[in-house]
Every structure is written in structure tokens, then in C-alpha cells.
PDB file of N, CA and C in Angstrom:
ATOM      1  N   LEU A   1      84.728 110.161  84.372  1.00  0.00           N
ATOM      2  CA  LEU A   1      84.337 109.144  85.082  1.00  0.00           C
ATOM      3  C   LEU A   1      84.577 109.377  86.579  1.00  0.00           C
ATOM      4  N   GLN A   2      83.711 109.363  87.555  1.00  0.00           N
ATOM      5  CA  GLN A   2      83.892 109.427  88.833  1.00  0.00           C
ATOM      6  C   GLN A   2      83.930 108.403  89.639  1.00  0.00           C
ATOM      7  N   LEU A   3      84.607 107.826  90.566  1.00  0.00           N
ATOM      8  CA  LEU A   3      84.567 106.474  91.098  1.00  0.00           C
ATOM      9  C   LEU A   3      84.715 106.900  92.605  1.00  0.00           C
ATOM     10  N   MET A   4      83.711 106.449  93.385  1.00  0.00           N
ATOM     11  CA  MET A   4      83.948 106.841  94.756  1.00  0.00           C
ATOM     12  C   MET A   4      84.018 105.303  95.590  1.00  0.00           C
ATOM     13  N   ASN A   5      84.412 105.484  96.903  1.00  0.00           N
ATOM     14  CA  ASN A   5      84.295 104.288  97.741  1.00  0.00           C
ATOM     15  C   ASN A   5      85.541 103.279  97.500  1.00  0.00           C
ATOM     16  N   MET A   6      86.348 103.850  96.643  1.00  0.00           N
ATOM     17  CA  MET A   6      87.608 102.978  96.504  1.00  0.00           C
ATOM     18  C   MET A   6      89.053 103.140  97.204  1.00  0.00           C
ATOM     19  N   VAL A   7      89.033 104.538  97.726  1.00  0.00           N
ATOM     20  CA  VAL A   7      90.038 104.972  98.571  1.00  0.00           C
ATOM     21  C   VAL A   7      89.638 105.755  99.778  1.00  0.00           C
ATOM     22  N   SER A   8      90.396 105.720 100.653  1.00  0.00           N
ATOM     23  CA  SER A   8      90.019 106.753 101.737  1.00  0.00           C
ATOM     24  C   SER A   8      90.890 107.887 101.615  1.00  0.00           C
ATOM     25  N   PRO A   9      90.809 109.186 102.213  1.00  0.00           N
ATOM     26  CA  PRO A   9      91.639 109.970 102.380  1.00  0.00           C
ATOM     27  C   PRO A   9      92.895 109.906 103.260  1.00  0.00           C
ATOM     28  N   GLU A  10      92.780 108.971 104.042  1.00  0.00           N
ATOM     29  CA  GLU A  10      94.115 108.402 104.703  1.00  0.00           C
ATOM     30  C   GLU A  10      94.828 107.518 103.925  1.00  0.00           C
ATOM     31  N   GLU A  11      94.610 106.893 103.325  1.00  0.00           N
ATOM     32  CA  GLU A  11      95.460 105.907 102.017  1.00  0.00           C
ATOM     33  C   GLU A  11      96.169 106.874 101.220  1.00  0.00           C
ATOM     34  N   LEU A  12      95.572 107.992 101.110  1.00  0.00           N
ATOM     35  CA  LEU A  12      96.228 108.896 100.053  1.00  0.00           C
ATOM     36  C   LEU A  12      97.169 110.133 100.586  1.00  0.00           C
ATOM     37  N   GLU A  13      97.175 109.975 101.932  1.00  0.00           N
ATOM     38  CA  GLU A  13      98.011 111.130 102.625  1.00  0.00           C
ATOM     39  C   GLU A  13      99.114 111.368 102.122  1.00  0.00           C
ATOM     40  N   ASP A  14     100.045 110.378 102.184  1.00  0.00           N
ATOM     41  CA  ASP A  14     101.632 110.620 101.949  1.00  0.00           C
ATOM     42  C   ASP A  14     101.985 109.632 101.035  1.00  0.00           C
ATOM     43  N   ASP A  15     103.257 109.499 100.707  1.00  0.00           N
ATOM     44  CA  ASP A  15     103.683 108.546  99.981  1.00  0.00           C
ATOM     45  C   ASP A  15     104.257 107.328 100.601  1.00  0.00           C
ATOM     46  N   GLU A  16     104.279 107.420 101.777  1.00  0.00           N
ATOM     47  CA  GLU A  16     104.860 106.498 102.848  1.00  0.00           C
ATOM     48  C   GLU A  16     103.725 105.281 102.577  1.00  0.00           C
ATOM     49  N   GLU A  17     104.077 104.076 103.579  1.00  0.00           N
ATOM     50  CA  GLU A  17     103.035 103.012 103.382  1.00  0.00           C
ATOM     51  C   GLU A  17     102.087 103.496 104.148  1.00  0.00           C
ATOM     52  N   TYR A  18     100.750 102.976 103.661  1.00  0.00           N
ATOM     53  CA  TYR A  18      99.582 103.260 104.613  1.00  0.00           C
ATOM     54  C   TYR A  18      99.008 101.406 104.479  1.00  0.00           C
ATOM     55  N   GLN A  19      98.990 100.877 105.660  1.00  0.00           N
ATOM     56  CA  GLN A  19      98.522  99.607 105.531  1.00  0.00           C
ATOM     57  C   GLN A  19      98.838  98.597 104.273  1.00  0.00           C
ATOM     58  N   GLY A  20     100.188  98.734 104.045  1.00  0.00           N
ATOM     59  CA  GLY A  20     100.920  97.793 103.024  1.00  0.00           C
ATOM     60  C   GLY A  20     100.792  98.291 101.635  1.00  0.00           C
ATOM     61  N   MET A  21     100.075  99.542 101.446  1.00  0.00           N
ATOM     62  CA  MET A  21     100.023 100.125 100.124  1.00  0.00           C
ATOM     63  C   MET A  21     100.937 101.325 100.253  1.00  0.00           C
ATOM     64  N   THR A  22     101.282 102.115  99.121  1.00  0.00           N
ATOM     65  CA  THR A  22     101.510 103.246  99.019  1.00  0.00           C
ATOM     66  C   THR A  22     100.535 104.119  98.335  1.00  0.00           C
ATOM     67  N   TYR A  23     100.867 105.173  97.853  1.00  0.00           N
ATOM     68  CA  TYR A  23      99.947 106.240  96.952  1.00  0.00           C
ATOM     69  C   TYR A  23     100.305 105.548  95.559  1.00  0.00           C
ATOM     70  N   ASN A  24     101.541 105.359  95.192  1.00  0.00           N
ATOM     71  CA  ASN A  24     101.953 105.015  93.796  1.00  0.00           C
ATOM     72  C   ASN A  24     101.208 103.444  93.673  1.00  0.00           C
ATOM     73  N   ASN A  25     101.317 102.673  94.702  1.00  0.00           N
ATOM     74  CA  ASN A  25     100.585 101.041  94.522  1.00  0.00           C
ATOM     75  C   ASN A  25      99.021 101.515  93.968  1.00  0.00           C
ATOM     76  N   ILE A  26      98.650 102.353  94.709  1.00  0.00           N
ATOM     77  CA  ILE A  26      97.187 102.462  94.537  1.00  0.00           C
ATOM     78  C   ILE A  26      96.700 103.283  93.401  1.00  0.00           C
ATOM     79  N   TRP A  27      97.569 104.384  92.861  1.00  0.00           N
ATOM     80  CA  TRP A  27      97.260 104.805  91.444  1.00  0.00           C
ATOM     81  C   TRP A  27      97.646 103.747  90.515  1.00  0.00           C
ATOM     82  N   GLU A  28      98.797 102.817  90.577  1.00  0.00           N
ATOM     83  CA  GLU A  28      98.892 101.789  89.625  1.00  0.00           C
ATOM     84  C   GLU A  28      97.957 100.974  89.434  1.00  0.00           C
ATOM     85  N   ASP A  29      97.227 100.241  90.773  1.00  0.00           N
ATOM     86  CA  ASP A  29      96.232  99.528  90.729  1.00  0.00           C
ATOM     87  C   ASP A  29      94.992  99.796  90.066  1.00  0.00           C
ATOM     88  N   ILE A  30      94.397 101.138  90.207  1.00  0.00           N
ATOM     89  CA  ILE A  30      93.379 101.629  89.766  1.00  0.00           C
ATOM     90  C   ILE A  30      93.422 101.857  88.072  1.00  0.00           C
ATOM     91  N   ALA A  31      94.863 102.236  87.708  1.00  0.00           N
ATOM     92  CA  ALA A  31      95.076 102.736  86.596  1.00  0.00           C
ATOM     93  C   ALA A  31      95.021 101.337  85.487  1.00  0.00           C
ATOM     94  N   GLU A  32      95.580 100.353  86.384  1.00  0.00           N
ATOM     95  CA  GLU A  32      95.567  99.028  85.499  1.00  0.00           C
ATOM     96  C   GLU A  32      94.128  98.406  85.409  1.00  0.00           C
ATOM     97  N   GLU A  33      93.316  98.588  86.382  1.00  0.00           N
ATOM     98  CA  GLU A  33      91.892  98.014  86.432  1.00  0.00           C
ATOM     99  C   GLU A  33      91.106  99.120  85.341  1.00  0.00           C
ATOM    100  N   CYS A  34      91.309 100.130  85.416  1.00  0.00           N
ATOM    101  CA  CYS A  34      90.441 101.198  84.439  1.00  0.00           C
ATOM    102  C   CYS A  34      90.617 100.941  83.257  1.00  0.00           C
ATOM    103  N   SER A  35      92.146 100.600  82.763  1.00  0.00           N
ATOM    104  CA  SER A  35      92.633 100.723  81.523  1.00  0.00           C
ATOM    105  C   SER A  35      91.927  99.307  80.858  1.00  0.00           C
ATOM    106  N   LYS A  36      91.597  98.664  81.645  1.00  0.00           N
ATOM    107  CA  LYS A  36      90.460  97.197  80.994  1.00  0.00           C
ATOM    108  C   LYS A  36      89.620  97.570  79.987  1.00  0.00           C
ATOM    109  N   TYR A  37      88.965  99.082  80.366  1.00  0.00           N
ATOM    110  CA  TYR A  37      87.559  99.275  79.673  1.00  0.00           C
ATOM    111  C   TYR A  37      87.864 100.531  78.479  1.00  0.00           C
ATOM    112  N   GLY A  38      89.249 100.783  78.304  1.00  0.00           N
ATOM    113  CA  GLY A  38      89.473 101.743  77.303  1.00  0.00           C
ATOM    114  C   GLY A  38      90.805 102.820  77.666  1.00  0.00           C
ATOM    115  N   ASN A  39      91.176 103.591  76.659  1.00  0.00           N
ATOM    116  CA  ASN A  39      92.146 104.387  76.749  1.00  0.00           C
ATOM    117  C   ASN A  39      92.040 105.440  77.556  1.00  0.00           C
ATOM    118  N   ILE A  40      92.890 105.565  78.534  1.00  0.00           N
ATOM    119  CA  ILE A  40      92.887 106.629  79.551  1.00  0.00           C
ATOM    120  C   ILE A  40      93.724 107.494  79.192  1.00  0.00           C
ATOM    121  N   ILE A  41      93.196 108.924  79.210  1.00  0.00           N
ATOM    122  CA  ILE A  41      93.769 110.021  78.570  1.00  0.00           C
ATOM    123  C   ILE A  41      94.357 110.757  80.088  1.00  0.00           C
ATOM    124  N   ASP A  42      93.782 110.551  80.986  1.00  0.00           N
ATOM    125  CA  ASP A  42      94.180 111.241  82.334  1.00  0.00           C
ATOM    126  C   ASP A  42      93.331 110.577  83.615  1.00  0.00           C
ATOM    127  N   MET A  43      94.055 110.669  84.422  1.00  0.00           N
ATOM    128  CA  MET A  43      93.521 110.299  85.972  1.00  0.00           C
ATOM    129  C   MET A  43      93.682 111.272  86.986  1.00  0.00           C
ATOM    130  N   LYS A  44      93.173 111.361  87.855  1.00  0.00           N
ATOM    131  CA  LYS A  44      93.120 112.254  89.038  1.00  0.00           C
ATOM    132  C   LYS A  44      92.803 111.624  90.178  1.00  0.00           C
ATOM    133  N   ILE A  45      93.447 111.785  91.272  1.00  0.00           N
ATOM    134  CA  ILE A  45      93.296 111.100  92.583  1.00  0.00           C
ATOM    135  C   ILE A  45      93.794 112.212  93.629  1.00  0.00           C
ATOM    136  N   PRO A  46      92.781 113.191  93.988  1.00  0.00           N
ATOM    137  CA  PRO A  46      93.019 114.303  94.705  1.00  0.00           C
ATOM    138  C   PRO A  46      93.231 113.720  96.018  1.00  0.00           C
ATOM    139  N   ARG A  47      94.479 114.271  96.801  1.00  0.00           N
ATOM    140  CA  ARG A  47      95.252 113.997  97.794  1.00  0.00           C
ATOM    141  C   ARG A  47      95.182 115.191  98.794  1.00  0.00           C
ATOM    142  N   PRO A  48      94.842 114.974 100.333  1.00  0.00           N
ATOM    143  CA  PRO A  48      95.146 115.705 101.509  1.00  0.00           C
ATOM    144  C   PRO A  48      96.304 116.539 101.113  1.00  0.00           C
ATOM    145  N   HIS A  49      96.248 117.650 101.276  1.00  0.00           N
ATOM    146  CA  HIS A  49      97.510 118.529 101.470  1.00  0.00           C
ATOM    147  C   HIS A  49      97.802 119.007 102.667  1.00  0.00           C
ATOM    148  N   GLU A  50      99.162 118.759 103.200  1.00  0.00           N
ATOM    149  CA  GLU A  50      99.526 119.027 104.751  1.00  0.00           C
ATOM    150  C   GLU A  50      98.444 118.905 105.437  1.00  0.00           C
ATOM    151  N   GLY A  51      97.817 117.577 105.623  1.00  0.00           N
ATOM    152  CA  GLY A  51      96.815 117.306 106.504  1.00  0.00           C
ATOM    153  C   GLY A  51      95.397 117.718 106.237  1.00  0.00           C
ATOM    154  N   THR A  52      95.089 118.627 105.140  1.00  0.00           N
ATOM    155  CA  THR A  52      94.068 119.145 105.119  1.00  0.00           C
ATOM    156  C   THR A  52      93.226 118.765 103.747  1.00  0.00           C
ATOM    157  N   LEU A  53      92.023 118.097 103.843  1.00  0.00           N
ATOM    158  CA  LEU A  53      91.257 117.625 102.941  1.00  0.00           C
ATOM    159  C   LEU A  53      90.944 118.719 101.925  1.00  0.00           C
ATOM    160  N   VAL A  54      91.428 118.286 100.492  1.00  0.00           N
ATOM    161  CA  VAL A  54      91.024 119.127  99.515  1.00  0.00           C
ATOM    162  C   VAL A  54      89.616 118.547  98.804  1.00  0.00           C
ATOM    163  N   PRO A  55      89.275 119.545  97.900  1.00  0.00           N
ATOM    164  CA  PRO A  55      87.827 118.964  97.173  1.00  0.00           C
ATOM    165  C   PRO A  55      88.052 118.043  96.484  1.00  0.00           C
ATOM    166  N   GLY A  56      87.099 116.616  96.454  1.00  0.00           N
ATOM    167  CA  GLY A  56      87.475 115.711  95.785  1.00  0.00           C
ATOM    168  C   GLY A  56      88.278 114.513  96.240  1.00  0.00           C
ATOM    169  N   CYS A  57      88.867 114.881  97.849  1.00  0.00           N
ATOM    170  CA  CYS A  57      89.702 113.801  98.208  1.00  0.00           C
ATOM    171  C   CYS A  57      89.087 112.536  98.672  1.00  0.00           C
ATOM    172  N   GLY A  58      89.818 111.424  98.146  1.00  0.00           N
ATOM    173  CA  GLY A  58      89.197 110.107  98.235  1.00  0.00           C
ATOM    174  C   GLY A  58      88.439 109.500  97.207  1.00  0.00           C
ATOM    175  N   LEU A  59      88.194 110.687  96.139  1.00  0.00           N
ATOM    176  CA  LEU A  59      87.509 110.158  94.868  1.00  0.00           C
ATOM    177  C   LEU A  59      88.670 110.015  93.819  1.00  0.00           C
ATOM    178  N   ILE A  60      88.448 109.669  92.855  1.00  0.00           N
ATOM    179  CA  ILE A  60      88.896 108.771  91.577  1.00  0.00           C
ATOM    180  C   ILE A  60      88.220 109.616  90.524  1.00  0.00           C
ATOM    181  N   PHE A  61      88.810 109.967  89.670  1.00  0.00           N
ATOM    182  CA  PHE A  61      88.425 110.650  88.313  1.00  0.00           C
ATOM    183  C   PHE A  61      89.256 110.156  87.170  1.00  0.00           C
ATOM    184  N   VAL A  62      88.813 109.555  85.834  1.00  0.00           N
ATOM    185  CA  VAL A  62      89.124 108.959  85.069  1.00  0.00           C
ATOM    186  C   VAL A  62      88.591 109.447  83.880  1.00  0.00           C
ATOM    187  N   ARG A  63      89.361 110.023  82.735  1.00  0.00           N
ATOM    188  CA  ARG A  63      89.407 110.384  81.753  1.00  0.00           C
ATOM    189  C   ARG A  63      89.539 109.870  80.424  1.00  0.00           C
ATOM    190  N   TYR A  64      88.246 109.088  79.889  1.00  0.00           N
ATOM    191  CA  TYR A  64      88.633 108.099  78.814  1.00  0.00           C
ATOM    192  C   TYR A  64      88.566 108.961  77.283  1.00  0.00           C
ATOM    193  N   GLU A  65      89.226 108.124  76.468  1.00  0.00           N
ATOM    194  CA  GLU A  65      89.291 108.782  74.993  1.00  0.00           C
ATOM    195  C   GLU A  65      87.728 108.917  74.474  1.00  0.00           C
ATOM    196  N   THR A  66      86.969 108.002  74.581  1.00  0.00           N
ATOM    197  CA  THR A  66      85.652 108.020  74.157  1.00  0.00           C
ATOM    198  C   THR A  66      84.522 107.870  75.214  1.00  0.00           C
ATOM    199  N   GLN A  67      83.546 108.399  74.710  1.00  0.00           N
ATOM    200  CA  GLN A  67      82.146 108.371  75.863  1.00  0.00           C
ATOM    201  C   GLN A  67      81.858 107.013  75.870  1.00  0.00           C
ATOM    202  N   ASP A  68      82.026 105.918  74.785  1.00  0.00           N
ATOM    203  CA  ASP A  68      81.730 104.756  74.935  1.00  0.00           C
ATOM    204  C   ASP A  68      82.779 104.030  75.986  1.00  0.00           C
ATOM    205  N   GLU A  69      83.836 104.339  75.637  1.00  0.00           N
ATOM    206  CA  GLU A  69      84.757 103.847  77.066  1.00  0.00           C
ATOM    207  C   GLU A  69      84.157 104.063  78.263  1.00  0.00           C
ATOM    208  N   THR A  70      84.278 105.386  78.233  1.00  0.00           N
ATOM    209  CA  THR A  70      83.748 106.022  79.834  1.00  0.00           C
ATOM    210  C   THR A  70      82.315 105.022  80.299  1.00  0.00           C
ATOM    211  N   LEU A  71      81.506 105.006  79.275  1.00  0.00           N
ATOM    212  CA  LEU A  71      80.272 104.488  79.406  1.00  0.00           C
ATOM    213  C   LEU A  71      80.398 102.551  80.086  1.00  0.00           C
ATOM    214  N   ASN A  72      81.451 102.202  79.019  1.00  0.00           N
ATOM    215  CA  ASN A  72      81.612 100.709  79.571  1.00  0.00           C
ATOM    216  C   ASN A  72      82.343 100.492  80.843  1.00  0.00           C
ATOM    217  N   ALA A  73      83.335 101.276  81.161  1.00  0.00           N
ATOM    218  CA  ALA A  73      83.845 101.383  82.195  1.00  0.00           C
ATOM    219  C   ALA A  73      83.066 101.624  83.606  1.00  0.00           C
ATOM    220  N   LEU A  74      81.826 102.816  83.393  1.00  0.00           N
ATOM    221  CA  LEU A  74      81.051 102.893  84.303  1.00  0.00           C
ATOM    222  C   LEU A  74      80.329 101.604  84.761  1.00  0.00           C
ATOM    223  N   ARG A  75      79.531 100.982  83.528  1.00  0.00           N
ATOM    224  CA  ARG A  75      78.794  99.755  83.572  1.00  0.00           C
ATOM    225  C   ARG A  75      79.807  98.540  84.345  1.00  0.00           C
ATOM    226  N   ALA A  76      80.962  98.546  84.176  1.00  0.00           N
ATOM    227  CA  ALA A  76      81.783  97.349  84.650  1.00  0.00           C
ATOM    228  C   ALA A  76      82.345  97.602  86.040  1.00  0.00           C
ATOM    229  N   LEU A  77      82.337  98.692  86.722  1.00  0.00           N
ATOM    230  CA  LEU A  77      83.196  99.163  87.905  1.00  0.00           C
ATOM    231  C   LEU A  77      82.155  99.361  88.877  1.00  0.00           C
ATOM    232  N   ALA A  78      81.115  99.784  88.391  1.00  0.00           N
ATOM    233  CA  ALA A  78      80.037 100.185  89.502  1.00  0.00           C
ATOM    234  C   ALA A  78      79.266  98.827  90.129  1.00  0.00           C
ATOM    235  N   GLY A  79      79.307  98.741  91.410  1.00  0.00           N
ATOM    236  CA  GLY A  79      79.222  97.824  92.116  1.00  0.00           C
ATOM    237  C   GLY A  79      80.052  96.707  92.617  1.00  0.00           C
ATOM    238  N   ARG A  80      81.199  96.727  91.806  1.00  0.00           N
ATOM    239  CA  ARG A  80      82.352  96.089  92.102  1.00  0.00           C
ATOM    240  C   ARG A  80      83.047  96.359  93.395  1.00  0.00           C
ATOM    241  N   LYS A  81      83.815  95.202  93.635  1.00  0.00           N
ATOM    242  CA  LYS A  81      84.444  95.334  95.255  1.00  0.00           C
ATOM    243  C   LYS A  81      85.793  95.814  94.639  1.00  0.00           C
ATOM    244  N   PHE A  82      86.249  96.514  95.749  1.00  0.00           N
ATOM    245  CA  PHE A  82      87.770  97.090  95.534  1.00  0.00           C
ATOM    246  C   PHE A  82      88.229  97.170  96.716  1.00  0.00           C
ATOM    247  N   ALA A  83      89.421  96.599  97.268  1.00  0.00           N
ATOM    248  CA  ALA A  83      89.908  96.726  98.486  1.00  0.00           C
ATOM    249  C   ALA A  83      88.563  96.456  99.807  1.00  0.00           C
ATOM    250  N   ASP A  84      87.625  95.559  99.416  1.00  0.00           N
ATOM    251  CA  ASP A  84      86.579  95.304 100.179  1.00  0.00           C
ATOM    252  C   ASP A  84      85.777  96.322 100.561  1.00  0.00           C
ATOM    253  N   ARG A  85      85.543  96.982  99.571  1.00  0.00           N
ATOM    254  CA  ARG A  85      84.581  98.159  99.214  1.00  0.00           C
ATOM    255  C   ARG A  85      83.837  98.257  98.258  1.00  0.00           C
ATOM    256  N   THR A  86      82.619  98.540  98.108  1.00  0.00           N
ATOM    257  CA  THR A  86      81.783  98.613  96.800  1.00  0.00           C
ATOM    258  C   THR A  86      82.017  99.947  96.206  1.00  0.00           C
ATOM    259  N   VAL A  87      82.409  99.865  94.979  1.00  0.00           N
ATOM    260  CA  VAL A  87      82.514 100.958  94.044  1.00  0.00           C
ATOM    261  C   VAL A  87      81.368 101.731  93.650  1.00  0.00           C
ATOM    262  N   VAL A  88      81.380 102.709  93.920  1.00  0.00           N
ATOM    263  CA  VAL A  88      80.305 103.845  93.220  1.00  0.00           C
ATOM    264  C   VAL A  88      80.869 104.428  91.847  1.00  0.00           C
ATOM    265  N   ALA A  89      80.060 104.438  90.813  1.00  0.00           N
ATOM    266  CA  ALA A  89      80.480 105.185  89.668  1.00  0.00           C
ATOM    267  C   ALA A  89      79.412 106.187  89.484  1.00  0.00           C
ATOM    268  N   SER A  90      79.903 107.369  88.686  1.00  0.00           N
ATOM    269  CA  SER A  90      79.203 108.138  88.145  1.00  0.00           C
ATOM    270  C   SER A  90      79.771 108.965  87.092  1.00  0.00           C
ATOM    271  N   PHE A  91      78.982 109.840  86.255  1.00  0.00           N
ATOM    272  CA  PHE A  91      79.808 110.816  85.327  1.00  0.00           C
ATOM    273  C   PHE A  91      80.202 111.911  85.711  1.00  0.00           C
ATOM    274  N   ILE A  92      81.004 112.691  85.228  1.00  0.00           N
ATOM    275  CA  ILE A  92      81.431 114.050  85.492  1.00  0.00           C
ATOM    276  C   ILE A  92      81.474 114.851  84.462  1.00  0.00           C
ATOM    277  N   GLU A  93      81.122 115.854  84.490  1.00  0.00           N
ATOM    278  CA  GLU A  93      81.188 116.731  83.143  1.00  0.00           C
ATOM    279  C   GLU A  93      82.499 116.856  82.974  1.00  0.00           C
ATOM    280  N   GLU A  94      82.911 116.867  81.591  1.00  0.00           N
ATOM    281  CA  GLU A  94      84.426 117.141  81.328  1.00  0.00           C
ATOM    282  C   GLU A  94      84.853 118.420  81.556  1.00  0.00           C
ATOM    283  N   GLU A  95      83.997 119.669  81.660  1.00  0.00           N
ATOM    284  CA  GLU A  95      84.584 121.005  81.950  1.00  0.00           C
ATOM    285  C   GLU A  95      84.826 121.016  83.501  1.00  0.00           C
ATOM    286  N   ASN A  96      84.134 120.276  83.981  1.00  0.00           N
ATOM    287  CA  ASN A  96      84.305 120.121  85.749  1.00  0.00           C
ATOM    288  C   ASN A  96      85.751 119.322  85.939  1.00  0.00           C
ATOM    289  N   TYR A  97      85.813 118.327  85.160  1.00  0.00           N
ATOM    290  CA  TYR A  97      87.211 117.651  85.179  1.00  0.00           C
ATOM    291  C   TYR A  97      88.422 118.676  84.808  1.00  0.00           C
ATOM    292  N   LEU A  98      88.117 119.157  83.786  1.00  0.00           N
ATOM    293  CA  LEU A  98      89.496 119.886  83.482  1.00  0.00           C
ATOM    294  C   LEU A  98      89.727 121.089  84.039  1.00  0.00           C
ATOM    295  N   ALA A  99      88.600 121.550  84.689  1.00  0.00           N
ATOM    296  CA  ALA A  99      88.897 122.561  85.744  1.00  0.00           C
ATOM    297  C   ALA A  99      89.141 122.084  87.000  1.00  0.00           C
ATOM    298  N   ASP A 100      89.388 121.095  87.354  1.00  0.00           N
ATOM    299  CA  ASP A 100      89.543 120.465  88.841  1.00  0.00           C
ATOM    300  C   ASP A 100      88.526 120.943  89.793  1.00  0.00           C
ATOM    301  N   ASN A 101      87.149 120.929  89.191  1.00  0.00           N
ATOM    302  CA  ASN A 101      86.114 121.357  89.783  1.00  0.00           C
ATOM    303  C   ASN A 101      85.221 120.151  90.358  1.00  0.00           C
ATOM    304  N   PHE A 102      85.740 119.877  91.597  1.00  0.00           N
ATOM    305  CA  PHE A 102      85.318 118.529  92.022  1.00  0.00           C
ATOM    306  C   PHE A 102      84.240 118.876  93.046  1.00  0.00           C
TER     307      PHE A 102
END
């Protein structure tokens, strides 16, 4: 599952506080919300590296145990508000996820 518009690259830049949130807080909040829809196998939140954007930066990728869980999460999260932003959700091919091909 690919989630867009939940975080900005600036919020992910380092572990220091950014507008009251740290990277770990962001990770925990997203993992907690996403776990409501199924068993999370893995989650990736690409971050800028030394001030340089990396592919997928600002996107969130969640791998669920089953396709049904992924579909449930997509239906539940698409269009929802997160940090005053409207979440956009779509599928990503599993092989692209595993290869970090964002």
C-alpha cells in the first residue's frame, strides 16, 4: 500500500523535532493507524539523506499480511485527514516494494 500526502520530506529530514513531532513519533502514529486494518509485515518511510531527496521521499509504504488487509486499509485511509492533509492511497506492486523501487 502506498500512502501519499501524510508527511512532507521536511518532517522526515532528521530525528530532531520538527513542528512538535520527531521522525519516531511520525512512524509510531502511522504504524498505529495502519495496524487497525490488518497485520503489518513491514513499513517503509523513505527519508532525505544528507539533505538530498531520495526516491519515494514523503511517501509511506505499508506491507500487510494479506491482500484483503491491504484493500481494507486502502478503503479506510483514502480520503481521510492526517495532520490536516487528505490522504491519497494506492497500490504498489510487491516486487517494487521489496526492491525499494519507488
